[in-house]
Protein backbone atom coordinates (compact mmCIF):
# COMPACT_ATOMS: atom_id res chain seq x y z
CA UNK A 1 18.92 159.48 133.40
CA UNK A 2 23.15 159.86 135.14
CA UNK A 3 21.32 161.62 137.84
CA UNK A 4 19.01 158.40 138.34
CA UNK A 5 22.18 155.63 138.26
CA UNK A 6 23.83 157.71 140.74
CA UNK A 7 21.02 157.59 142.47
CA UNK A 8 20.21 154.25 142.57
CA UNK A 9 23.97 153.75 143.13
CA UNK A 10 24.20 155.68 146.28
CA UNK A 11 21.06 154.08 147.73
CA UNK A 12 22.73 150.32 146.62
CA UNK A 13 25.82 151.73 148.77
CA UNK A 14 23.65 153.22 152.08
CA UNK A 15 21.69 149.57 151.99
CA UNK A 16 24.74 147.67 152.08
CA UNK A 17 26.80 149.69 154.75
CA UNK A 18 23.63 149.28 156.91
CA UNK A 19 23.33 145.71 157.28
CA UNK A 20 27.74 146.23 157.48
CA UNK A 21 26.47 148.31 160.72
CA UNK A 22 25.14 144.92 162.63
CA UNK A 23 28.42 143.98 162.80
CA UNK A 24 30.62 146.75 163.36
CA UNK A 25 28.71 149.06 166.63
CA UNK A 26 31.90 151.04 166.62
CA UNK A 27 30.70 153.41 163.65
CA UNK A 28 31.43 157.17 163.65
CA UNK A 29 29.43 160.02 162.51
CA UNK A 30 24.76 163.39 163.85
CA UNK A 31 20.89 162.72 162.84
CA UNK A 32 19.82 166.51 162.88
CA UNK A 33 17.05 166.50 165.30
CA UNK A 34 15.31 168.89 163.06
CA UNK A 35 15.13 166.67 160.14
CA UNK A 36 11.66 167.39 158.67
CA UNK A 37 10.30 164.79 156.11
CA UNK A 38 8.45 167.42 154.30
CA UNK A 39 11.45 168.80 152.94
CA UNK A 40 12.82 165.56 151.76
CA UNK A 41 15.99 166.66 154.22
CA UNK A 42 17.83 163.38 154.85
CA UNK A 43 21.09 163.28 156.93
CA UNK A 44 24.09 162.38 155.54
CA UNK A 45 26.02 159.11 155.35
CA UNK A 46 28.78 160.92 158.35
CA UNK A 47 25.98 162.32 160.12
CA UNK A 48 23.94 159.04 160.45
CA UNK A 49 26.78 157.23 161.62
CA UNK A 50 27.63 160.13 164.34
CA UNK A 51 23.89 159.71 165.67
CA UNK A 52 24.51 155.84 165.88
CA UNK A 53 27.47 156.94 168.29
CA UNK A 54 25.63 158.51 170.34
CA UNK A 55 23.17 156.08 171.46
CA UNK A 56 22.82 154.14 174.66
CA UNK A 57 23.26 150.59 174.93
CA UNK A 58 19.45 149.95 175.14
CA UNK A 59 19.07 152.13 171.96
CA UNK A 60 21.75 150.34 170.07
CA UNK A 61 19.85 146.93 171.11
CA UNK A 62 16.79 148.05 169.77
CA UNK A 63 18.20 149.50 166.51
CA UNK A 64 20.11 146.30 166.00
CA UNK A 65 17.09 144.23 166.23
CA UNK A 66 15.20 146.29 163.73
CA UNK A 67 18.43 145.97 161.51
CA UNK A 68 18.41 142.36 161.76
CA UNK A 69 14.75 141.93 161.21
CA UNK A 70 14.64 143.79 158.36
CA UNK A 71 17.94 141.56 156.89
CA UNK A 72 15.79 138.66 157.71
CA UNK A 73 12.02 139.87 156.09
CA UNK A 74 13.94 141.53 152.66
CA UNK A 75 12.76 139.45 149.92
CA UNK A 76 10.64 136.71 152.17
CA UNK A 77 7.32 136.12 153.70
CA UNK A 78 7.82 136.25 157.12
CA UNK A 79 5.78 137.78 159.90
CA UNK A 80 6.43 141.90 160.95
CA UNK A 81 8.18 142.87 163.88
CA UNK A 82 5.45 143.72 166.12
CA UNK A 83 7.35 146.20 169.08
CA UNK A 84 6.04 148.42 172.44
CA UNK A 85 8.98 150.96 172.43
CA UNK A 86 8.47 152.67 176.42
CA UNK A 87 10.54 154.81 178.70
CA UNK A 88 10.23 157.87 180.72
CA UNK A 89 10.46 161.57 179.40
CA UNK A 90 14.01 161.90 178.48
CA UNK A 91 15.19 158.95 177.58
CA UNK A 92 15.68 158.87 174.01
CA UNK A 93 12.73 157.31 172.54
CA UNK A 94 12.22 160.04 170.03
CA UNK A 95 15.67 160.36 169.11
CA UNK A 96 15.66 156.36 168.63
CA UNK A 97 12.81 156.76 166.60
CA UNK A 98 14.07 159.12 164.11
CA UNK A 99 17.16 156.59 163.71
CA UNK A 100 15.60 153.64 163.26
CA UNK A 101 13.04 155.22 160.53
CA UNK A 102 16.30 156.35 158.69
CA UNK A 103 17.76 153.10 159.48
CA UNK A 104 14.47 151.32 157.57
CA UNK A 105 14.99 153.84 154.39
CA UNK A 106 18.50 153.17 154.26
CA UNK A 107 17.75 149.16 154.51
CA UNK A 108 14.97 150.22 151.76
CA UNK A 109 17.35 151.97 149.38
CA UNK A 110 16.25 155.21 150.20
CA UNK A 111 12.05 154.85 149.54
CA UNK A 112 10.66 157.42 151.41
CA UNK A 113 7.54 155.36 151.87
CA UNK A 114 9.17 152.55 153.29
CA UNK A 115 8.42 153.85 156.58
CA UNK A 116 5.44 155.80 158.03
CA UNK A 117 5.28 157.85 160.94
CA UNK A 118 2.46 158.93 163.32
CA UNK A 119 1.22 160.04 166.26
CA UNK A 120 -1.91 161.22 167.87
CA UNK A 121 -1.42 164.75 168.43
CA UNK A 122 0.26 167.21 165.45
CA UNK A 123 2.98 168.41 168.19
CA UNK A 124 4.28 164.93 168.90
CA UNK A 125 4.07 164.00 164.50
CA UNK A 126 6.07 167.28 164.38
CA UNK A 127 8.73 165.35 166.99
CA UNK A 128 9.38 162.36 165.00
CA UNK A 129 9.13 164.20 161.65
CA UNK A 130 5.79 162.75 160.60
CA UNK A 131 2.26 162.47 160.35
CA UNK A 132 -1.55 162.73 162.65
CA UNK A 133 -2.94 159.61 162.76
CA UNK A 134 -5.81 160.97 161.39
CA UNK A 135 -4.36 162.64 157.72
CA UNK A 136 -2.79 159.65 157.88
CA UNK A 137 -5.37 156.93 157.66
CA UNK A 138 -8.32 159.57 157.16
CA UNK A 139 -10.13 158.95 160.42
CA UNK A 140 -12.84 160.89 161.48
CA UNK A 141 -12.45 163.36 164.41
CA UNK A 142 -13.81 163.31 167.37
CA UNK A 143 -17.34 165.22 167.73
CA UNK A 144 -18.75 165.08 171.33
CA UNK A 145 -16.44 162.62 173.03
CA UNK A 146 -17.44 159.57 170.75
CA UNK A 147 -15.70 158.81 167.23
CA UNK A 148 -17.68 158.98 164.14
CA UNK A 149 -18.19 155.55 162.21
CA UNK A 150 -15.83 155.29 159.56
CA UNK A 151 -17.88 153.83 156.50
CA UNK A 152 -16.65 151.03 154.21
CA UNK A 153 -13.66 152.36 151.88
CA UNK A 154 -14.63 151.76 148.22
CA UNK A 155 -14.43 152.70 144.29
CA UNK A 156 -11.30 155.84 143.78
CA UNK A 157 -10.78 156.61 147.50
CA UNK A 158 -10.22 153.04 148.33
CA UNK A 159 -7.87 152.57 145.60
CA UNK A 160 -5.67 156.30 146.67
CA UNK A 161 -5.19 154.75 149.87
CA UNK A 162 -3.84 151.83 148.76
CA UNK A 163 -1.59 153.38 146.50
CA UNK A 164 -0.40 155.74 148.97
CA UNK A 165 0.62 152.46 151.15
CA UNK A 166 1.87 150.36 148.59
CA UNK A 167 5.42 150.63 149.15
CA UNK A 168 4.86 150.81 152.65
CA UNK A 169 6.79 148.13 155.08
CA UNK A 170 6.70 149.72 158.80
CA UNK A 171 4.87 151.76 160.22
CA UNK A 172 5.92 153.53 163.73
CA UNK A 173 3.53 155.40 165.78
CA UNK A 174 4.81 157.55 168.52
CA UNK A 175 2.86 157.77 172.38
CA UNK A 176 0.52 154.95 170.85
CA UNK A 177 -0.54 154.42 174.80
CA UNK A 178 -2.34 157.88 174.29
CA UNK A 179 -4.32 156.49 171.22
CA UNK A 180 -8.60 155.82 172.30
CA UNK A 181 -9.31 152.48 172.10
CA UNK A 182 -11.81 153.34 169.59
CA UNK A 183 -9.69 154.92 167.11
CA UNK A 184 -8.00 151.68 166.96
CA UNK A 185 -10.60 150.12 166.48
CA UNK A 186 -10.61 152.08 163.00
CA UNK A 187 -6.98 150.54 162.37
CA UNK A 188 -5.91 147.33 161.07
CA UNK A 189 -2.30 146.30 162.57
């Protein structure tokens, strides 16, 4: 029980520090690029702060915007933010997405399921410590260049999916421009 209380206190302090970062952009501290959700490895506070100092102006503006929108929506019924982030190869999109994912978790008191991250391919999913959209949404696999029709979700299968997504506040999809329109039809954003 003592460990549970210490974890709650640590998560509450992380949440408070997260909102303070909006007013203090010069916080120092490095997120490990090999951070892997499968191992539940999360960056330390110092590593997270170090990574924040490595952000460029555009990345920092996006980070602040996301943090402010989280602050505005916690405990309120407001429209969710829908963003499309783009940039050329090597501009730091993956680095920024990892920081945003960690920021969301910190804002929601360390809740791992508060943000889910996915991508079309396994390689892209691995780079962002996420999952493929097929596994995340239980999508049918494409055969003969056509997607199989997705049956209506019912019964225990529907309950299971609802249970898996019940705490999710944010969905980050990397390389969304590569996703075929037919696949997007299966998703309800």
